[in-house]
Amino acid sequence: MRLKAVPRWLGDIALVLVGAIIGAAVYHAMHLHQFNELMMMNIDLQDRLAHYKAEAEDLLRYKNRRTIVKSIEVHIYEPATSTALPQAHETEIRRRLLKDLSGLKGRDVFQIDEHSKLVEGLLANKIYPDVHEKDYSVLLRTMLVTEGVLHVWVDVKPYIPAKVP
């Protein structure tokens, strides 16, 4: 028993359809990648805008006082050996740290030593849960006050809970 031959035009149509489907999939993947990049940029810009608005408000509030902490800058230290922290996670951790450290704004620079022990106690291996469905541990490295700006350097690592035997 011999099968009938398939017409050549039917094979050509099948090839065109497969090419169209693969092309649409590639185009969709490129579109999703560009959209994801745009969303990350939007989140970063919104965070910067909120930070600059808060900083401008604080600078206006404390413009006549020279020896106080007017703003806080958080620097996340990333060693070369570790994996890079995703931008969205870093932004969320920075936002939470600024919220925790906001109590130091308006404090006298010369009395910052009293408050540094409190901050060191607060940020000694502090765990920030549920940062984009992941937990992070924060460790304070250094605090420095220059010209009314409190610079805080921290280490951020993924939190791995200890197993209970």
Protein backbone atom coordinates (compact mmCIF):
# COMPACT_ATOMS: atom_id res chain seq x y z
CA MET A 1 0.00 0.00 0.00
CA ARG A 2 1.42 3.25 -1.11
CA LEU A 3 0.58 6.63 0.43
CA LYS A 4 -0.43 9.50 -1.76
CA ALA A 5 2.18 12.17 -2.23
CA VAL A 6 1.59 15.41 -0.35
CA PRO A 7 1.31 18.40 -2.69
CA ARG A 8 4.38 20.65 -2.63
CA TRP A 9 2.36 23.79 -1.92
CA LEU A 10 1.07 22.25 1.33
CA GLY A 11 4.66 21.79 2.60
CA ASP A 12 5.48 25.37 1.62
CA ILE A 13 2.48 26.70 3.56
CA ALA A 14 3.51 24.65 6.60
CA LEU A 15 7.03 26.10 6.43
CA VAL A 16 5.68 29.65 6.23
CA LEU A 17 3.37 29.04 9.22
CA VAL A 18 6.19 27.58 11.33
CA GLY A 19 8.40 30.55 10.42
CA ALA A 20 5.64 32.99 11.37
CA ILE A 21 5.11 31.30 14.73
CA ILE A 22 8.83 31.26 15.54
CA GLY A 23 9.17 34.89 14.41
CA ALA A 24 6.24 35.93 16.59
CA ALA A 25 7.77 34.13 19.59
CA VAL A 26 11.13 35.87 19.09
CA TYR A 27 9.45 39.26 18.65
CA HIS A 28 7.37 38.69 21.80
CA ALA A 29 10.48 37.74 23.80
CA MET A 30 12.24 40.93 22.66
CA HIS A 31 9.17 42.99 23.54
CA LEU A 32 8.96 41.46 27.04
CA HIS A 33 12.66 42.08 27.63
CA GLN A 34 12.35 45.74 26.64
CA PHE A 35 9.24 46.12 28.79
CA ASN A 36 11.05 44.58 31.78
CA GLU A 37 13.97 46.99 31.33
CA LEU A 38 11.53 49.90 31.11
CA MET A 39 9.79 48.80 34.31
CA MET A 40 13.11 48.54 36.18
CA MET A 41 14.08 52.01 34.97
CA ASN A 42 10.67 53.35 36.02
CA ILE A 43 11.01 51.88 39.53
CA ASP A 44 14.50 53.36 39.86
CA LEU A 45 13.35 56.79 38.68
CA GLN A 46 10.34 56.78 41.01
CA ASP A 47 12.62 55.93 43.92
CA ARG A 48 15.04 58.70 42.99
CA LEU A 49 12.20 61.20 42.67
CA ALA A 50 10.80 60.31 46.09
CA HIS A 51 14.29 60.51 47.60
CA TYR A 52 15.01 63.91 46.03
CA LYS A 53 11.63 65.29 47.13
CA ALA A 54 12.24 64.16 50.71
CA GLU A 55 15.78 65.52 50.62
CA ALA A 56 14.63 68.90 49.28
CA GLU A 57 11.96 69.08 51.97
CA ASP A 58 14.52 68.31 54.69
CA LEU A 59 17.00 70.82 53.31
CA LEU A 60 14.33 73.53 53.35
CA ARG A 61 13.34 72.60 56.89
CA TYR A 62 16.92 72.75 58.21
CA LYS A 63 18.39 75.43 55.94
CA ASN A 64 19.35 77.84 58.75
CA ARG A 65 20.96 75.23 61.00
CA ARG A 66 24.53 74.29 60.08
CA THR A 67 25.45 71.53 62.55
CA ILE A 68 22.67 69.01 62.06
CA VAL A 69 22.14 65.96 59.89
CA LYS A 70 20.12 67.24 56.94
CA SER A 71 20.06 64.16 54.75
CA ILE A 72 21.09 60.51 54.76
CA GLU A 73 22.87 58.64 51.97
CA VAL A 74 22.89 54.83 52.06
CA HIS A 75 25.69 53.04 50.22
CA ILE A 76 25.37 49.30 49.72
CA TYR A 77 28.78 47.63 49.68
CA GLU A 78 29.06 44.81 47.19
CA PRO A 79 32.25 42.73 47.31
CA ALA A 80 33.57 41.54 43.96
CA THR A 81 33.22 37.89 44.95
CA SER A 82 29.49 37.99 45.64
CA THR A 83 26.66 37.97 43.14
CA ALA A 84 25.18 41.34 42.30
CA LEU A 85 22.02 42.37 44.08
CA PRO A 86 19.09 42.92 41.66
CA GLN A 87 18.30 46.60 41.13
CA ALA A 88 14.71 46.31 42.36
CA HIS A 89 15.84 44.54 45.55
CA GLU A 90 18.58 47.11 46.17
CA THR A 91 16.11 49.96 45.74
CA GLU A 92 13.63 48.41 48.19
CA ILE A 93 16.35 47.72 50.79
CA ARG A 94 17.67 51.27 50.44
CA ARG A 95 14.14 52.64 50.91
CA ARG A 96 13.64 50.57 54.07
CA LEU A 97 17.03 51.60 55.45
CA LEU A 98 16.27 55.28 54.86
CA LYS A 99 12.97 54.83 56.69
CA ASP A 100 14.75 53.18 59.64
CA LEU A 101 17.45 55.87 59.76
CA SER A 102 15.08 58.82 59.31
CA GLY A 103 15.12 59.38 63.08
CA LEU A 104 18.65 60.73 62.78
CA LYS A 105 17.60 63.63 60.55
CA GLY A 106 17.62 66.90 62.45
CA ARG A 107 20.00 65.58 65.11
CA ASP A 108 23.09 67.56 66.10
CA VAL A 109 26.24 66.39 64.31
CA PHE A 110 28.32 66.70 67.48
CA GLN A 111 26.01 64.32 69.33
CA ILE A 112 25.96 61.71 66.58
CA ASP A 113 28.24 59.44 68.62
CA GLU A 114 25.40 58.86 71.10
CA HIS A 115 23.09 57.87 68.28
CA SER A 116 25.65 55.80 66.37
CA LYS A 117 25.66 53.11 69.07
CA LEU A 118 21.87 52.92 68.84
CA VAL A 119 21.98 52.67 65.05
CA GLU A 120 24.73 50.06 65.21
CA GLY A 121 22.57 48.02 67.58
CA LEU A 122 19.56 48.39 65.29
CA LEU A 123 21.40 47.41 62.12
CA ALA A 124 23.60 44.63 63.52
CA ASN A 125 22.48 41.71 61.34
CA LYS A 126 19.02 43.17 60.86
CA ILE A 127 16.78 41.05 58.68
CA TYR A 128 14.55 42.68 56.09
CA PRO A 129 11.88 40.11 55.25
CA ASP A 130 9.90 39.83 52.04
CA VAL A 131 11.96 42.04 49.73
CA HIS A 132 10.40 40.86 46.48
CA GLU A 133 9.75 37.45 48.08
CA LYS A 134 13.30 37.14 49.44
CA ASP A 135 14.84 37.89 52.86
CA TYR A 136 18.04 39.92 53.30
CA SER A 137 20.41 40.45 56.22
CA VAL A 138 21.93 43.93 56.65
CA LEU A 139 25.15 44.64 58.55
CA LEU A 140 26.36 48.18 59.29
CA ARG A 141 29.94 48.81 58.13
CA THR A 142 30.62 52.54 58.52
CA MET A 143 28.88 55.81 59.33
CA LEU A 144 30.34 59.19 58.37
CA VAL A 145 28.93 62.72 58.63
CA THR A 146 30.16 65.34 56.16
CA GLU A 147 28.59 68.75 55.61
CA GLY A 148 25.28 67.74 57.14
CA VAL A 149 25.00 64.49 55.18
CA LEU A 150 25.11 61.19 57.04
CA HIS A 151 26.74 58.53 54.85
CA VAL A 152 26.00 54.94 55.87
CA TRP A 153 27.74 51.94 54.32
CA VAL A 154 26.10 48.54 54.78
CA ASP A 155 26.64 44.95 53.70
CA VAL A 156 23.57 43.21 52.28
CA LYS A 157 23.45 39.44 51.97
CA PRO A 158 20.62 37.00 51.34
CA TYR A 159 19.35 35.71 54.68
CA ILE A 160 19.59 31.97 55.17
CA PRO A 161 17.87 30.86 58.38
CA ALA A 162 19.79 28.54 60.66
CA LYS A 163 18.44 25.03 60.82
CA VAL A 164 17.05 23.97 64.17
CA PRO A 165 18.23 20.44 65.10
